Amino acid sequence: FACSKNALCALNVVYMTDVINASWWVMSNSTRHELERSFDCC
């Protein structure tokens, strides 16, 4: 009946890395540049 903290923290780093990597390549270049500017990273 509810999501607990343990269930939400069960997302391991490998799964989150895969999701972030897959979404990075779907984004347009302008979205990537905007994220790099706002997060101050390359």
PDB file of all heavy atoms in Angstrom:
ATOM      1  N   PHE A   1       0.800  -1.215   0.000  1.00  0.00           N
ATOM      2  CA  PHE A   1       0.000   0.000   0.000  1.00  0.00           C
ATOM      3  C   PHE A   1       0.832   1.262   0.000  1.00  0.00           C
ATOM      4  O   PHE A   1       0.301   2.351  -0.127  1.00  0.00           O
ATOM      5  CB  PHE A   1      -0.967   0.004   1.185  1.00  0.00           C
ATOM      6  CG  PHE A   1      -0.291  -0.130   2.520  1.00  0.00           C
ATOM      7  CD1 PHE A   1       0.157   0.975   3.203  1.00  0.00           C
ATOM      8  CD2 PHE A   1      -0.100  -1.381   3.080  1.00  0.00           C
ATOM      9  CE1 PHE A   1       0.778   0.845   4.409  1.00  0.00           C
ATOM     10  CE2 PHE A   1       0.518  -1.503   4.298  1.00  0.00           C
ATOM     11  CZ  PHE A   1       0.958  -0.400   4.971  1.00  0.00           C
ATOM     12  N   ALA A   2       2.120   1.187   0.147  1.00  0.00           N
ATOM     13  CA  ALA A   2       2.958   2.392   0.110  1.00  0.00           C
ATOM     14  C   ALA A   2       4.393   2.012  -0.232  1.00  0.00           C
ATOM     15  O   ALA A   2       4.842   0.906   0.040  1.00  0.00           O
ATOM     16  CB  ALA A   2       2.925   3.100   1.455  1.00  0.00           C
ATOM     17  N   CYS A   3       5.096   2.942  -0.836  1.00  0.00           N
ATOM     18  CA  CYS A   3       6.515   2.738  -1.143  1.00  0.00           C
ATOM     19  C   CYS A   3       7.330   3.106   0.084  1.00  0.00           C
ATOM     20  O   CYS A   3       7.176   4.181   0.637  1.00  0.00           O
ATOM     21  CB  CYS A   3       6.935   3.614  -2.304  1.00  0.00           C
ATOM     22  SG  CYS A   3       6.148   3.196  -3.842  1.00  0.00           S
ATOM     23  N   SER A   4       8.152   2.220   0.520  1.00  0.00           N
ATOM     24  CA  SER A   4       8.979   2.517   1.682  1.00  0.00           C
ATOM     25  C   SER A   4      10.322   3.071   1.234  1.00  0.00           C
ATOM     26  O   SER A   4      10.671   3.045   0.056  1.00  0.00           O
ATOM     27  CB  SER A   4       9.193   1.266   2.525  1.00  0.00           C
ATOM     28  OG  SER A   4      10.002   0.363   1.826  1.00  0.00           O
ATOM     29  N   LYS A   5      11.070   3.570   2.175  1.00  0.00           N
ATOM     30  CA  LYS A   5      12.376   4.139   1.873  1.00  0.00           C
ATOM     31  C   LYS A   5      13.312   3.074   1.336  1.00  0.00           C
ATOM     32  O   LYS A   5      14.102   3.333   0.444  1.00  0.00           O
ATOM     33  CB  LYS A   5      12.948   4.782   3.131  1.00  0.00           C
ATOM     34  CG  LYS A   5      14.233   5.511   2.903  1.00  0.00           C
ATOM     35  CD  LYS A   5      14.659   6.236   4.138  1.00  0.00           C
ATOM     36  CE  LYS A   5      15.925   7.010   3.872  1.00  0.00           C
ATOM     37  NZ  LYS A   5      16.378   7.760   5.013  1.00  0.00           N
ATOM     38  N   ASN A   6      13.198   1.858   1.855  1.00  0.00           N
ATOM     39  CA  ASN A   6      14.074   0.787   1.385  1.00  0.00           C
ATOM     40  C   ASN A   6      13.785   0.424  -0.062  1.00  0.00           C
ATOM     41  O   ASN A   6      14.697   0.125  -0.826  1.00  0.00           O
ATOM     42  CB  ASN A   6      13.929  -0.446   2.271  1.00  0.00           C
ATOM     43  CG  ASN A   6      14.484  -0.220   3.652  1.00  0.00           C
ATOM     44  OD1 ASN A   6      15.341   0.626   3.845  1.00  0.00           O
ATOM     45  ND2 ASN A   6      13.973  -0.947   4.616  1.00  0.00           N
ATOM     46  N   ALA A   7      12.511   0.451  -0.443  1.00  0.00           N
ATOM     47  CA  ALA A   7      12.172   0.116  -1.827  1.00  0.00           C
ATOM     48  C   ALA A   7      12.673   1.179  -2.784  1.00  0.00           C
ATOM     49  O   ALA A   7      13.149   0.875  -3.878  1.00  0.00           O
ATOM     50  CB  ALA A   7      10.664  -0.052  -1.964  1.00  0.00           C
ATOM     51  N   LEU A   8      12.589   2.447  -2.383  1.00  0.00           N
ATOM     52  CA  LEU A   8      13.051   3.509  -3.264  1.00  0.00           C
ATOM     53  C   LEU A   8      14.568   3.595  -3.308  1.00  0.00           C
ATOM     54  O   LEU A   8      15.145   3.984  -4.314  1.00  0.00           O
ATOM     55  CB  LEU A   8      12.461   4.849  -2.821  1.00  0.00           C
ATOM     56  CG  LEU A   8      10.981   4.990  -3.118  1.00  0.00           C
ATOM     57  CD1 LEU A   8      10.445   6.244  -2.459  1.00  0.00           C
ATOM     58  CD2 LEU A   8      10.727   5.031  -4.603  1.00  0.00           C
ATOM     59  N   CYS A   9      15.232   3.231  -2.237  1.00  0.00           N
ATOM     60  CA  CYS A   9      16.698   3.270  -2.222  1.00  0.00           C
ATOM     61  C   CYS A   9      17.303   2.007  -2.809  1.00  0.00           C
ATOM     62  O   CYS A   9      18.517   1.890  -2.894  1.00  0.00           O
ATOM     63  CB  CYS A   9      17.206   3.496  -0.806  1.00  0.00           C
ATOM     64  SG  CYS A   9      16.832   5.143  -0.209  1.00  0.00           S
ATOM     65  N   ALA A  10      16.474   1.057  -3.209  1.00  0.00           N
ATOM     66  CA  ALA A  10      16.978  -0.185  -3.776  1.00  0.00           C
ATOM     67  C   ALA A  10      17.469   0.007  -5.211  1.00  0.00           C
ATOM     68  O   ALA A  10      18.041  -0.903  -5.789  1.00  0.00           O
ATOM     69  CB  ALA A  10      15.906  -1.263  -3.730  1.00  0.00           C
ATOM     70  N   LEU A  11      17.207   1.170  -5.789  1.00  0.00           N
ATOM     71  CA  LEU A  11      17.739   1.447  -7.118  1.00  0.00           C
ATOM     72  C   LEU A  11      19.255   1.553  -7.006  1.00  0.00           C
ATOM     73  O   LEU A  11      19.772   2.484  -6.423  1.00  0.00           O
ATOM     74  CB  LEU A  11      17.166   2.756  -7.648  1.00  0.00           C
ATOM     75  CG  LEU A  11      15.689   2.781  -7.953  1.00  0.00           C
ATOM     76  CD1 LEU A  11      15.262   4.192  -8.297  1.00  0.00           C
ATOM     77  CD2 LEU A  11      15.369   1.838  -9.069  1.00  0.00           C
ATOM     78  N   ASN A  12      19.940   0.599  -7.533  1.00  0.00           N
ATOM     79  CA  ASN A  12      21.395   0.618  -7.375  1.00  0.00           C
ATOM     80  C   ASN A  12      22.038   1.537  -8.405  1.00  0.00           C
ATOM     81  O   ASN A  12      21.395   2.039  -9.324  1.00  0.00           O
ATOM     82  CB  ASN A  12      21.959  -0.790  -7.445  1.00  0.00           C
ATOM     83  CG  ASN A  12      21.605  -1.479  -8.735  1.00  0.00           C
ATOM     84  OD1 ASN A  12      21.026  -0.895  -9.614  1.00  0.00           O
ATOM     85  ND2 ASN A  12      21.968  -2.738  -8.835  1.00  0.00           N
ATOM     86  N   VAL A  13      23.294   1.763  -8.229  1.00  0.00           N
ATOM     87  CA  VAL A  13      24.033   2.713  -9.061  1.00  0.00           C
ATOM     88  C   VAL A  13      24.092   2.243 -10.508  1.00  0.00           C
ATOM     89  O   VAL A  13      24.023   3.056 -11.430  1.00  0.00           O
ATOM     90  CB  VAL A  13      25.443   2.924  -8.476  1.00  0.00           C
ATOM     91  CG1 VAL A  13      26.266   3.824  -9.362  1.00  0.00           C
ATOM     92  CG2 VAL A  13      25.353   3.483  -7.081  1.00  0.00           C
ATOM     93  N   VAL A  14      24.172   0.944 -10.726  1.00  0.00           N
ATOM     94  CA  VAL A  14      24.268   0.429 -12.087  1.00  0.00           C
ATOM     95  C   VAL A  14      22.981   0.720 -12.855  1.00  0.00           C
ATOM     96  O   VAL A  14      23.012   1.164 -14.009  1.00  0.00           O
ATOM     97  CB  VAL A  14      24.564  -1.092 -12.069  1.00  0.00           C
ATOM     98  CG1 VAL A  14      24.533  -1.665 -13.462  1.00  0.00           C
ATOM     99  CG2 VAL A  14      25.891  -1.357 -11.402  1.00  0.00           C
ATOM    100  N   TYR A  15      21.838   0.517 -12.201  1.00  0.00           N
ATOM    101  CA  TYR A  15      20.557   0.781 -12.854  1.00  0.00           C
ATOM    102  C   TYR A  15      20.404   2.274 -13.151  1.00  0.00           C
ATOM    103  O   TYR A  15      19.990   2.658 -14.236  1.00  0.00           O
ATOM    104  CB  TYR A  15      19.413   0.276 -11.976  1.00  0.00           C
ATOM    105  CG  TYR A  15      18.052   0.560 -12.554  1.00  0.00           C
ATOM    106  CD1 TYR A  15      17.590  -0.147 -13.659  1.00  0.00           C
ATOM    107  CD2 TYR A  15      17.236   1.533 -12.006  1.00  0.00           C
ATOM    108  CE1 TYR A  15      16.353   0.107 -14.204  1.00  0.00           C
ATOM    109  CE2 TYR A  15      16.003   1.798 -12.540  1.00  0.00           C
ATOM    110  CZ  TYR A  15      15.563   1.085 -13.635  1.00  0.00           C
ATOM    111  OH  TYR A  15      14.338   1.350 -14.170  1.00  0.00           O
ATOM    112  N   MET A  16      20.739   3.126 -12.176  1.00  0.00           N
ATOM    113  CA  MET A  16      20.621   4.565 -12.395  1.00  0.00           C
ATOM    114  C   MET A  16      21.596   5.034 -13.470  1.00  0.00           C
ATOM    115  O   MET A  16      21.277   5.922 -14.253  1.00  0.00           O
ATOM    116  CB  MET A  16      20.842   5.322 -11.092  1.00  0.00           C
ATOM    117  CG  MET A  16      19.672   5.215 -10.144  1.00  0.00           C
ATOM    118  SD  MET A  16      19.710   6.392  -8.802  1.00  0.00           S
ATOM    119  CE  MET A  16      21.061   5.809  -7.814  1.00  0.00           C
ATOM    120  N   THR A  17      22.787   4.437 -13.520  1.00  0.00           N
ATOM    121  CA  THR A  17      23.754   4.779 -14.559  1.00  0.00           C
ATOM    122  C   THR A  17      23.212   4.422 -15.936  1.00  0.00           C
ATOM    123  O   THR A  17      23.349   5.201 -16.880  1.00  0.00           O
ATOM    124  CB  THR A  17      25.085   4.051 -14.308  1.00  0.00           C
ATOM    125  OG1 THR A  17      25.546   4.387 -13.005  1.00  0.00           O
ATOM    126  CG2 THR A  17      26.128   4.440 -15.322  1.00  0.00           C
ATOM    127  N   ASP A  18      22.582   3.259 -16.055  1.00  0.00           N
ATOM    128  CA  ASP A  18      21.993   2.857 -17.334  1.00  0.00           C
ATOM    129  C   ASP A  18      20.877   3.800 -17.769  1.00  0.00           C
ATOM    130  O   ASP A  18      20.777   4.162 -18.940  1.00  0.00           O
ATOM    131  CB  ASP A  18      21.468   1.428 -17.256  1.00  0.00           C
ATOM    132  CG  ASP A  18      22.577   0.400 -17.157  1.00  0.00           C
ATOM    133  OD1 ASP A  18      23.740   0.748 -17.463  1.00  0.00           O
ATOM    134  OD2 ASP A  18      22.284  -0.741 -16.765  1.00  0.00           O
ATOM    135  N   VAL A  19      20.036   4.202 -16.818  1.00  0.00           N
ATOM    136  CA  VAL A  19      18.927   5.101 -17.144  1.00  0.00           C
ATOM    137  C   VAL A  19      19.460   6.469 -17.566  1.00  0.00           C
ATOM    138  O   VAL A  19      19.008   7.050 -18.559  1.00  0.00           O
ATOM    139  CB  VAL A  19      17.964   5.217 -15.945  1.00  0.00           C
ATOM    140  CG1 VAL A  19      16.967   6.338 -16.147  1.00  0.00           C
ATOM    141  CG2 VAL A  19      17.242   3.905 -15.709  1.00  0.00           C
ATOM    142  N   ILE A  20      20.429   6.992 -16.838  1.00  0.00           N
ATOM    143  CA  ILE A  20      21.000   8.302 -17.169  1.00  0.00           C
ATOM    144  C   ILE A  20      21.717   8.243 -18.513  1.00  0.00           C
ATOM    145  O   ILE A  20      21.582   9.152 -19.343  1.00  0.00           O
ATOM    146  CB  ILE A  20      21.943   8.774 -16.050  1.00  0.00           C
ATOM    147  CG1 ILE A  20      21.139   9.120 -14.795  1.00  0.00           C
ATOM    148  CG2 ILE A  20      22.773   9.963 -16.485  1.00  0.00           C
ATOM    149  CD1 ILE A  20      21.987   9.387 -13.573  1.00  0.00           C
ATOM    150  N   ASN A  21      22.450   7.177 -18.760  1.00  0.00           N
ATOM    151  CA  ASN A  21      23.182   7.037 -20.019  1.00  0.00           C
ATOM    152  C   ASN A  21      22.221   6.931 -21.203  1.00  0.00           C
ATOM    153  O   ASN A  21      22.438   7.549 -22.246  1.00  0.00           O
ATOM    154  CB  ASN A  21      24.094   5.811 -19.954  1.00  0.00           C
ATOM    155  CG  ASN A  21      25.187   5.858 -20.990  1.00  0.00           C
ATOM    156  OD1 ASN A  21      25.375   6.854 -21.671  1.00  0.00           O
ATOM    157  ND2 ASN A  21      25.908   4.758 -21.119  1.00  0.00           N
ATOM    158  N   ALA A  22      21.134   6.168 -21.039  1.00  0.00           N
ATOM    159  CA  ALA A  22      20.172   6.027 -22.127  1.00  0.00           C
ATOM    160  C   ALA A  22      19.448   7.344 -22.404  1.00  0.00           C
ATOM    161  O   ALA A  22      19.233   7.706 -23.571  1.00  0.00           O
ATOM    162  CB  ALA A  22      19.156   4.934 -21.778  1.00  0.00           C
ATOM    163  N   SER A  23      19.103   8.076 -21.353  1.00  0.00           N
ATOM    164  CA  SER A  23      18.398   9.339 -21.564  1.00  0.00           C
ATOM    165  C   SER A  23      19.329  10.417 -22.118  1.00  0.00           C
ATOM    166  O   SER A  23      18.886  11.315 -22.828  1.00  0.00           O
ATOM    167  CB  SER A  23      17.751   9.811 -20.268  1.00  0.00           C
ATOM    168  OG  SER A  23      18.725  10.033 -19.280  1.00  0.00           O
ATOM    169  N   TRP A  24      20.617  10.347 -21.818  1.00  0.00           N
ATOM    170  CA  TRP A  24      21.582  11.328 -22.325  1.00  0.00           C
ATOM    171  C   TRP A  24      21.666  11.271 -23.850  1.00  0.00           C
ATOM    172  O   TRP A  24      21.741  12.286 -24.522  1.00  0.00           O
ATOM    173  CB  TRP A  24      22.949  11.078 -21.696  1.00  0.00           C
ATOM    174  CG  TRP A  24      24.007  12.039 -22.100  1.00  0.00           C
ATOM    175  CD1 TRP A  24      24.944  11.862 -23.069  1.00  0.00           C
ATOM    176  CD2 TRP A  24      24.260  13.339 -21.545  1.00  0.00           C
ATOM    177  NE1 TRP A  24      25.774  12.954 -23.144  1.00  0.00           N
ATOM    178  CE2 TRP A  24      25.366  13.880 -22.208  1.00  0.00           C
ATOM    179  CE3 TRP A  24      23.660  14.087 -20.538  1.00  0.00           C
ATOM    180  CZ2 TRP A  24      25.889  15.126 -21.914  1.00  0.00           C
ATOM    181  CZ3 TRP A  24      24.180  15.328 -20.241  1.00  0.00           C
ATOM    182  CH2 TRP A  24      25.273  15.839 -20.920  1.00  0.00           C
ATOM    183  N   TRP A  25      21.626  10.057 -24.398  1.00  0.00           N
ATOM    184  CA  TRP A  25      21.757   9.923 -25.845  1.00  0.00           C
ATOM    185  C   TRP A  25      20.457  10.193 -26.580  1.00  0.00           C
ATOM    186  O   TRP A  25      20.461  10.392 -27.798  1.00  0.00           O
ATOM    187  CB  TRP A  25      22.306   8.542 -26.200  1.00  0.00           C
ATOM    188  CG  TRP A  25      23.704   8.395 -25.724  1.00  0.00           C
ATOM    189  CD1 TRP A  25      24.141   7.577 -24.720  1.00  0.00           C
ATOM    190  CD2 TRP A  25      24.847   9.115 -26.175  1.00  0.00           C
ATOM    191  NE1 TRP A  25      25.482   7.748 -24.530  1.00  0.00           N
ATOM    192  CE2 TRP A  25      25.949   8.697 -25.415  1.00  0.00           C
ATOM    193  CE3 TRP A  25      25.051  10.085 -27.141  1.00  0.00           C
ATOM    194  CZ2 TRP A  25      27.230   9.204 -25.596  1.00  0.00           C
ATOM    195  CZ3 TRP A  25      26.331  10.588 -27.315  1.00  0.00           C
ATOM    196  CH2 TRP A  25      27.393  10.142 -26.560  1.00  0.00           C
ATOM    197  N   VAL A  26      19.346  10.235 -25.884  1.00  0.00           N
ATOM    198  CA  VAL A  26      18.068  10.569 -26.508  1.00  0.00           C
ATOM    199  C   VAL A  26      17.881  12.088 -26.585  1.00  0.00           C
ATOM    200  O   VAL A  26      17.182  12.591 -27.461  1.00  0.00           O
ATOM    201  CB  VAL A  26      16.910   9.909 -25.717  1.00  0.00           C
ATOM    202  CG1 VAL A  26      15.561  10.336 -26.234  1.00  0.00           C
ATOM    203  CG2 VAL A  26      17.037   8.403 -25.770  1.00  0.00           C
ATOM    204  N   MET A  27      18.527  12.822 -25.684  1.00  0.00           N
ATOM    205  CA  MET A  27      18.388  14.284 -25.631  1.00  0.00           C
ATOM    206  C   MET A  27      18.972  14.953 -26.871  1.00  0.00           C
ATOM    207  O   MET A  27      19.879  14.433 -27.505  1.00  0.00           O
ATOM    208  CB  MET A  27      19.157  14.846 -24.428  1.00  0.00           C
ATOM    209  CG  MET A  27      18.612  14.529 -23.109  1.00  0.00           C
ATOM    210  SD  MET A  27      19.669  15.309 -21.881  1.00  0.00           S
ATOM    211  CE  MET A  27      19.446  14.200 -20.543  1.00  0.00           C
ATOM    212  N   SER A  28      18.433  16.130 -27.148  1.00  0.00           N
ATOM    213  CA  SER A  28      19.020  16.941 -28.219  1.00  0.00           C
ATOM    214  C   SER A  28      20.276  17.635 -27.696  1.00  0.00           C
ATOM    215  O   SER A  28      20.514  17.692 -26.489  1.00  0.00           O
ATOM    216  CB  SER A  28      18.007  17.978 -28.703  1.00  0.00           C
ATOM    217  OG  SER A  28      17.729  18.886 -27.665  1.00  0.00           O
ATOM    218  N   ASN A  29      21.070  18.162 -28.603  1.00  0.00           N
ATOM    219  CA  ASN A  29      22.303  18.837 -28.207  1.00  0.00           C
ATOM    220  C   ASN A  29      22.030  20.084 -27.384  1.00  0.00           C
ATOM    221  O   ASN A  29      22.778  20.410 -26.466  1.00  0.00           O
ATOM    222  CB  ASN A  29      23.150  19.194 -29.433  1.00  0.00           C
ATOM    223  CG  ASN A  29      23.881  17.992 -29.987  1.00  0.00           C
ATOM    224  OD1 ASN A  29      24.141  17.039 -29.261  1.00  0.00           O
ATOM    225  ND2 ASN A  29      24.194  18.045 -31.269  1.00  0.00           N
ATOM    226  N   SER A  30      20.946  20.788 -27.691  1.00  0.00           N
ATOM    227  CA  SER A  30      20.630  21.994 -26.923  1.00  0.00           C
ATOM    228  C   SER A  30      20.261  21.642 -25.478  1.00  0.00           C
ATOM    229  O   SER A  30      20.624  22.377 -24.552  1.00  0.00           O
ATOM    230  CB  SER A  30      19.483  22.760 -27.588  1.00  0.00           C
ATOM    231  OG  SER A  30      18.315  21.976 -27.617  1.00  0.00           O
ATOM    232  N   THR A  31      19.577  20.525 -25.285  1.00  0.00           N
ATOM    233  CA  THR A  31      19.249  20.091 -23.919  1.00  0.00           C
ATOM    234  C   THR A  31      20.508  19.686 -23.169  1.00  0.00           C
ATOM    235  O   THR A  31      20.661  20.011 -21.989  1.00  0.00           O
ATOM    236  CB  THR A  31      18.267  18.910 -23.960  1.00  0.00           C
ATOM    237  OG1 THR A  31      17.144  19.263 -24.767  1.00  0.00           O
ATOM    238  CG2 THR A  31      17.785  18.551 -22.573  1.00  0.00           C
ATOM    239  N   ARG A  32      21.420  19.013 -23.839  1.00  0.00           N
ATOM    240  CA  ARG A  32      22.696  18.641 -23.207  1.00  0.00           C
ATOM    241  C   ARG A  32      23.484  19.873 -22.787  1.00  0.00           C
ATOM    242  O   ARG A  32      24.020  19.936 -21.678  1.00  0.00           O
ATOM    243  CB  ARG A  32      23.546  17.810 -24.158  1.00  0.00           C
ATOM    244  CG  ARG A  32      23.055  16.418 -24.369  1.00  0.00           C
ATOM    245  CD  ARG A  32      23.993  15.683 -25.295  1.00  0.00           C
ATOM    246  NE  ARG A  32      23.379  14.473 -25.781  1.00  0.00           N
ATOM    247  CZ  ARG A  32      23.783  13.810 -26.841  1.00  0.00           C
ATOM    248  NH1 ARG A  32      24.805  14.252 -27.537  1.00  0.00           N
ATOM    249  NH2 ARG A  32      23.180  12.717 -27.216  1.00  0.00           N
ATOM    250  N   HIS A  33      23.547  20.854 -23.676  1.00  0.00           N
ATOM    251  CA  HIS A  33      24.285  22.085 -23.361  1.00  0.00           C
ATOM    252  C   HIS A  33      23.644  22.824 -22.192  1.00  0.00           C
ATOM    253  O   HIS A  33      24.341  23.380 -21.344  1.00  0.00           O
ATOM    254  CB  HIS A  33      24.374  22.990 -24.579  1.00  0.00           C
ATOM    255  CG  HIS A  33      25.222  22.437 -25.680  1.00  0.00           C
ATOM    256  ND1 HIS A  33      26.503  21.969 -25.468  1.00  0.00           N
ATOM    257  CD2 HIS A  33      24.970  22.262 -26.998  1.00  0.00           C
ATOM    258  CE1 HIS A  33      26.999  21.544 -26.614  1.00  0.00           C
ATOM    259  NE2 HIS A  33      26.094  21.702 -27.561  1.00  0.00           N
ATOM    260  N   GLU A  34      22.314  22.827 -22.151  1.00  0.00           N
ATOM    261  CA  GLU A  34      21.617  23.494 -21.043  1.00  0.00           C
ATOM    262  C   GLU A  34      21.884  22.780 -19.717  1.00  0.00           C
ATOM    263  O   GLU A  34      22.095  23.417 -18.683  1.00  0.00           O
ATOM    264  CB  GLU A  34      20.117  23.537 -21.328  1.00  0.00           C
ATOM    265  CG  GLU A  34      19.313  24.276 -20.293  1.00  0.00           C
ATOM    266  CD  GLU A  34      19.671  25.755 -20.209  1.00  0.00           C
ATOM    267  OE1 GLU A  34      20.037  26.342 -21.249  1.00  0.00           O
ATOM    268  OE2 GLU A  34      19.602  26.304 -19.102  1.00  0.00           O
ATOM    269  N   LEU A  35      21.883  21.450 -19.731  1.00  0.00           N
ATOM    270  CA  LEU A  35      22.202  20.693 -18.515  1.00  0.00           C
ATOM    271  C   LEU A  35      23.643  20.920 -18.084  1.00  0.00           C
ATOM    272  O   LEU A  35      23.934  21.055 -16.890  1.00  0.00           O
ATOM    273  CB  LEU A  35      21.949  19.205 -18.730  1.00  0.00           C
ATOM    274  CG  LEU A  35      20.495  18.762 -18.678  1.00  0.00           C
ATOM    275  CD1 LEU A  35      20.370  17.302 -19.084  1.00  0.00           C
ATOM    276  CD2 LEU A  35      19.929  18.970 -17.295  1.00  0.00           C
ATOM    277  N   GLU A  36      24.557  20.950 -19.038  1.00  0.00           N
ATOM    278  CA  GLU A  36      25.960  21.197 -18.702  1.00  0.00           C
ATOM    279  C   GLU A  36      26.151  22.590 -18.101  1.00  0.00           C
ATOM    280  O   GLU A  36      26.929  22.779 -17.176  1.00  0.00           O
ATOM    281  CB  GLU A  36      26.828  21.043 -19.951  1.00  0.00           C
ATOM    282  CG  GLU A  36      27.008  19.616 -20.383  1.00  0.00           C
ATOM    283  CD  GLU A  36      27.774  19.495 -21.679  1.00  0.00           C
ATOM    284  OE1 GLU A  36      27.890  20.488 -22.429  1.00  0.00           O
ATOM    285  OE2 GLU A  36      28.264  18.376 -21.953  1.00  0.00           O
ATOM    286  N   ARG A  37      25.413  23.548 -18.622  1.00  0.00           N
ATOM    287  CA  ARG A  37      25.506  24.902 -18.087  1.00  0.00           C
ATOM    288  C   ARG A  37      24.906  24.996 -16.687  1.00  0.00           C
ATOM    289  O   ARG A  37      25.473  25.599 -15.793  1.00  0.00           O
ATOM    290  CB  ARG A  37      24.786  25.864 -19.030  1.00  0.00           C
ATOM    291  CG  ARG A  37      25.495  27.152 -19.227  1.00  0.00           C
ATOM    292  CD  ARG A  37      24.732  28.080 -20.144  1.00  0.00           C
ATOM    293  NE  ARG A  37      23.638  27.438 -20.842  1.00  0.00           N
ATOM    294  CZ  ARG A  37      23.500  27.381 -22.153  1.00  0.00           C
ATOM    295  NH1 ARG A  37      24.358  27.956 -22.920  1.00  0.00           N
ATOM    296  NH2 ARG A  37      22.476  26.779 -22.720  1.00  0.00           N
ATOM    297  N   SER A  38      23.737  24.372 -16.478  1.00  0.00           N
ATOM    298  CA  SER A  38      23.067  24.497 -15.175  1.00  0.00           C
ATOM    299  C   SER A  38      23.746  23.666 -14.082  1.00  0.00           C
ATOM    300  O   SER A  38      23.770  24.075 -12.927  1.00  0.00           O
ATOM    301  CB  SER A  38      21.592  24.115 -15.286  1.00  0.00           C
ATOM    302  OG  SER A  38      21.465  22.771 -15.656  1.00  0.00           O
ATOM    303  N   PHE A  39      24.307  22.496 -14.433  1.00  0.00           N
ATOM    304  CA  PHE A  39      24.984  21.662 -13.442  1.00  0.00           C
ATOM    305  C   PHE A  39      26.486  21.947 -13.363  1.00  0.00           C
ATOM    306  O   PHE A  39      27.165  21.380 -12.514  1.00  0.00           O
ATOM    307  CB  PHE A  39      24.769  20.175 -13.737  1.00  0.00           C
ATOM    308  CG  PHE A  39      23.456  19.645 -13.253  1.00  0.00           C
ATOM    309  CD1 PHE A  39      22.353  19.602 -14.090  1.00  0.00           C
ATOM    310  CD2 PHE A  39      23.319  19.195 -11.959  1.00  0.00           C
ATOM    311  CE1 PHE A  39      21.151  19.114 -13.644  1.00  0.00           C
ATOM    312  CE2 PHE A  39      22.113  18.701 -11.508  1.00  0.00           C
ATOM    313  CZ  PHE A  39      21.022  18.663 -12.351  1.00  0.00           C
ATOM    314  N   ASP A  40      27.009  22.769 -14.244  1.00  0.00           N
ATOM    315  CA  ASP A  40      28.423  23.139 -14.286  1.00  0.00           C
ATOM    316  C   ASP A  40      29.317  21.900 -14.419  1.00  0.00           C
ATOM    317  O   ASP A  40      30.173  21.613 -13.586  1.00  0.00           O
ATOM    318  CB  ASP A  40      28.807  23.964 -13.054  1.00  0.00           C
ATOM    319  CG  ASP A  40      30.122  24.697 -13.232  1.00  0.00           C
ATOM    320  OD1 ASP A  40      30.506  24.920 -14.396  1.00  0.00           O
ATOM    321  OD2 ASP A  40      30.760  25.027 -12.227  1.00  0.00           O
ATOM    322  N   CYS A  41      29.078  21.148 -15.501  1.00  0.00           N
ATOM    323  CA  CYS A  41      29.832  19.911 -15.742  1.00  0.00           C
ATOM    324  C   CYS A  41      29.979  19.708 -17.244  1.00  0.00           C
ATOM    325  O   CYS A  41      29.325  20.376 -18.032  1.00  0.00           O
ATOM    326  CB  CYS A  41      29.107  18.729 -15.109  1.00  0.00           C
ATOM    327  SG  CYS A  41      27.423  18.505 -15.707  1.00  0.00           S
ATOM    328  N   CYS A  42      30.825  18.768 -17.628  1.00  0.00           N
ATOM    329  CA  CYS A  42      31.029  18.449 -19.046  1.00  0.00           C
ATOM    330  C   CYS A  42      30.998  16.947 -19.260  1.00  0.00           C
ATOM    331  O   CYS A  42      31.577  16.200 -18.485  1.00  0.00           O
ATOM    332  CB  CYS A  42      32.368  18.992 -19.534  1.00  0.00           C
ATOM    333  SG  CYS A  42      32.365  20.758 -19.823  1.00  0.00           S
TER     334      CYS A  42
END
